[in-house]
C-alpha atoms as a PDB file:
ATOM      1  CA  MET A   1      -0.003   0.109  -0.107  1.00  0.00           C
ATOM      2  CA  ASN A   2       1.227   3.506  -0.900  1.00  0.00           C
ATOM      3  CA  LEU A   3       1.126   5.774   1.946  1.00  0.00           C
ATOM      4  CA  PRO A   4       0.530   9.516   1.527  1.00  0.00           C
ATOM      5  CA  LYS A   5       3.704  11.275   1.560  1.00  0.00           C
ATOM      6  CA  LEU A   6       4.316  14.457   3.788  1.00  0.00           C
ATOM      7  CA  PHE A   7       7.203  16.432   3.082  1.00  0.00           C
ATOM      8  CA  VAL A   8       8.697  18.286   6.117  1.00  0.00           C
ATOM      9  CA  LYS A   9      11.755  20.235   7.223  1.00  0.00           C
ATOM     10  CA  GLN A  10      13.360  19.523  10.701  1.00  0.00           C
ATOM     11  CA  GLY A  11      12.513  22.544  12.917  1.00  0.00           C
ATOM     12  CA  CYS A  12       9.650  23.849  10.833  1.00  0.00           C
ATOM     13  CA  PRO A  13       6.888  24.954  13.122  1.00  0.00           C
ATOM     14  CA  TRP A  14       4.184  24.295  10.668  1.00  0.00           C
ATOM     15  CA  CYS A  15       5.660  20.732  10.005  1.00  0.00           C
ATOM     16  CA  ILE A  16       5.786  20.083  13.851  1.00  0.00           C
ATOM     17  CA  ASP A  17       1.928  21.175  14.013  1.00  0.00           C
ATOM     18  CA  ALA A  18       1.061  18.994  10.995  1.00  0.00           C
ATOM     19  CA  LEU A  19       3.027  16.021  12.533  1.00  0.00           C
ATOM     20  CA  ASP A  20       1.359  16.385  15.912  1.00  0.00           C
ATOM     21  CA  TYR A  21      -2.236  16.634  14.118  1.00  0.00           C
ATOM     22  CA  PHE A  22      -1.530  13.594  12.082  1.00  0.00           C
ATOM     23  CA  LYS A  23      -0.391  11.547  14.989  1.00  0.00           C
ATOM     24  CA  LYS A  24      -3.312  12.715  17.033  1.00  0.00           C
ATOM     25  CA  ILE A  25      -5.797  11.545  14.631  1.00  0.00           C
ATOM     26  CA  GLY A  26      -3.886   8.377  13.681  1.00  0.00           C
ATOM     27  CA  PHE A  27      -3.156   9.135  10.220  1.00  0.00           C
ATOM     28  CA  GLU A  28      -0.361   7.003   8.707  1.00  0.00           C
ATOM     29  CA  LEU A  29       1.951   8.748   6.454  1.00  0.00           C
ATOM     30  CA  GLU A  30       5.504   8.404   4.757  1.00  0.00           C
ATOM     31  CA  ILE A  31       7.307  11.237   6.363  1.00  0.00           C
ATOM     32  CA  ILE A  32      10.102  12.742   4.011  1.00  0.00           C
ATOM     33  CA  ASP A  33      12.328  15.166   5.682  1.00  0.00           C
ATOM     34  CA  VAL A  34      14.021  17.259   2.924  1.00  0.00           C
ATOM     35  CA  ARG A  35      16.746  18.751   5.230  1.00  0.00           C
ATOM     36  CA  VAL A  36      17.704  15.179   6.361  1.00  0.00           C
ATOM     37  CA  ASN A  37      17.342  13.748   2.826  1.00  0.00           C
ATOM     38  CA  PRO A  38      18.207  16.661   0.421  1.00  0.00           C
ATOM     39  CA  GLU A  39      17.891  14.523  -2.572  1.00  0.00           C
ATOM     40  CA  LYS A  40      14.223  14.363  -1.946  1.00  0.00           C
ATOM     41  CA  MET A  41      13.876  18.130  -2.451  1.00  0.00           C
ATOM     42  CA  SER A  42      13.480  17.518  -6.261  1.00  0.00           C
ATOM     43  CA  ASP A  43      10.569  15.161  -5.580  1.00  0.00           C
ATOM     44  CA  LEU A  44       8.860  17.824  -3.403  1.00  0.00           C
ATOM     45  CA  VAL A  45       9.471  20.630  -6.226  1.00  0.00           C
ATOM     46  CA  ALA A  46       8.303  18.135  -8.886  1.00  0.00           C
ATOM     47  CA  CYS A  47       5.012  17.338  -7.150  1.00  0.00           C
ATOM     48  CA  SER A  48       4.051  20.837  -6.010  1.00  0.00           C
ATOM     49  CA  GLY A  49       6.121  23.398  -7.984  1.00  0.00           C
ATOM     50  CA  GLN A  50       7.576  24.695  -4.721  1.00  0.00           C
ATOM     51  CA  SER A  51      10.072  23.901  -2.042  1.00  0.00           C
ATOM     52  CA  LYS A  52       8.029  24.863   1.291  1.00  0.00           C
ATOM     53  CA  THR A  53       6.883  22.445   3.770  1.00  0.00           C
ATOM     54  CA  PRO A  54       4.655  20.878   5.073  1.00  0.00           C
ATOM     55  CA  THR A  55       3.270  19.561   1.682  1.00  0.00           C
ATOM     56  CA  LEU A  56       1.043  16.469   1.531  1.00  0.00           C
ATOM     57  CA  LYS A  57       0.923  14.280  -1.511  1.00  0.00           C
ATOM     58  CA  ASN A  58      -1.471  11.560  -2.192  1.00  0.00           C
ATOM     59  CA  GLY A  59      -1.307  10.368  -5.737  1.00  0.00           C
ATOM     60  CA  ASP A  60      -1.957  13.376  -7.868  1.00  0.00           C
ATOM     61  CA  PHE A  61      -3.627  15.305  -4.998  1.00  0.00           C
ATOM     62  CA  VAL A  62      -1.205  17.645  -3.270  1.00  0.00           C
ATOM     63  CA  VAL A  63      -1.850  20.405  -0.538  1.00  0.00           C
ATOM     64  CA  ALA A  64       1.480  22.545  -0.639  1.00  0.00           C
ATOM     65  CA  ASP A  65       2.814  24.747   2.021  1.00  0.00           C
ATOM     66  CA  PHE A  66      -0.071  24.674   4.664  1.00  0.00           C
ATOM     67  CA  ASP A  67      -0.900  25.364   8.224  1.00  0.00           C
ATOM     68  CA  LEU A  68      -3.657  23.146   9.853  1.00  0.00           C
ATOM     69  CA  ASP A  69      -6.442  25.637   9.067  1.00  0.00           C
ATOM     70  CA  GLU A  70      -5.315  25.531   5.179  1.00  0.00           C
ATOM     71  CA  PHE A  71      -5.217  21.771   5.324  1.00  0.00           C
ATOM     72  CA  LYS A  72      -8.667  21.327   6.940  1.00  0.00           C
ATOM     73  CA  GLN A  73     -10.103  23.654   4.303  1.00  0.00           C
ATOM     74  CA  ALA A  74      -8.509  21.800   1.620  1.00  0.00           C
ATOM     75  CA  MET A  75     -10.214  18.614   2.746  1.00  0.00           C
ATOM     76  CA  LEU A  76     -13.591  20.551   2.899  1.00  0.00           C
ATOM     77  CA  ASP A  77     -12.971  21.874  -0.560  1.00  0.00           C
ATOM     78  CA  HIS A  78     -11.928  18.204  -1.686  1.00  0.00           C
ATOM     79  CA  PRO A  79     -14.407  15.941   0.081  1.00  0.00           C
ATOM     80  CA  ASN A  80     -13.527  13.140  -2.172  1.00  0.00           C
ATOM     81  CA  GLU A  81      -9.852  13.315  -1.280  1.00  0.00           C
ATOM     82  CA  ALA A  82     -10.694  13.544   2.274  1.00  0.00           C
ATOM     83  CA  ILE A  83     -12.663  10.223   1.893  1.00  0.00           C
ATOM     84  CA  LYS A  84      -9.669   8.664   0.130  1.00  0.00           C
ATOM     85  CA  LEU A  85      -7.503   9.733   2.933  1.00  0.00           C
ATOM     86  CA  GLY A  86      -9.921   8.550   5.506  1.00  0.00           C
ATOM     87  CA  ILE A  87      -9.757  12.078   7.097  1.00  0.00           C
ATOM     88  CA  LYS A  88     -12.885  13.001   8.966  1.00  0.00           C
ATOM     89  CA  LEU A  89     -13.400  16.733   9.749  1.00  0.00           C
ATOM     90  CA  ASN A  90     -16.116  17.620  12.442  1.00  0.00           C
END
């Protein structure tokens, strides 16, 4: 099974928030730290057209450079993606 990818940068406060949120809701991800693995930066740029984090990629669906409110809004704006990801917003 291919897990959604979460691109992060060590020390990024928005990444810390995202990781805490996903852990809290029990959301399983492949976490890719582009500072620890700089060769993965090209994957981040290829999928999102930018180098900011956190960025979530699931197939062709990408939420780039988000804070938690922006991520939750993306799920509301794309309910089919939220269903695919198994994310329930109350």
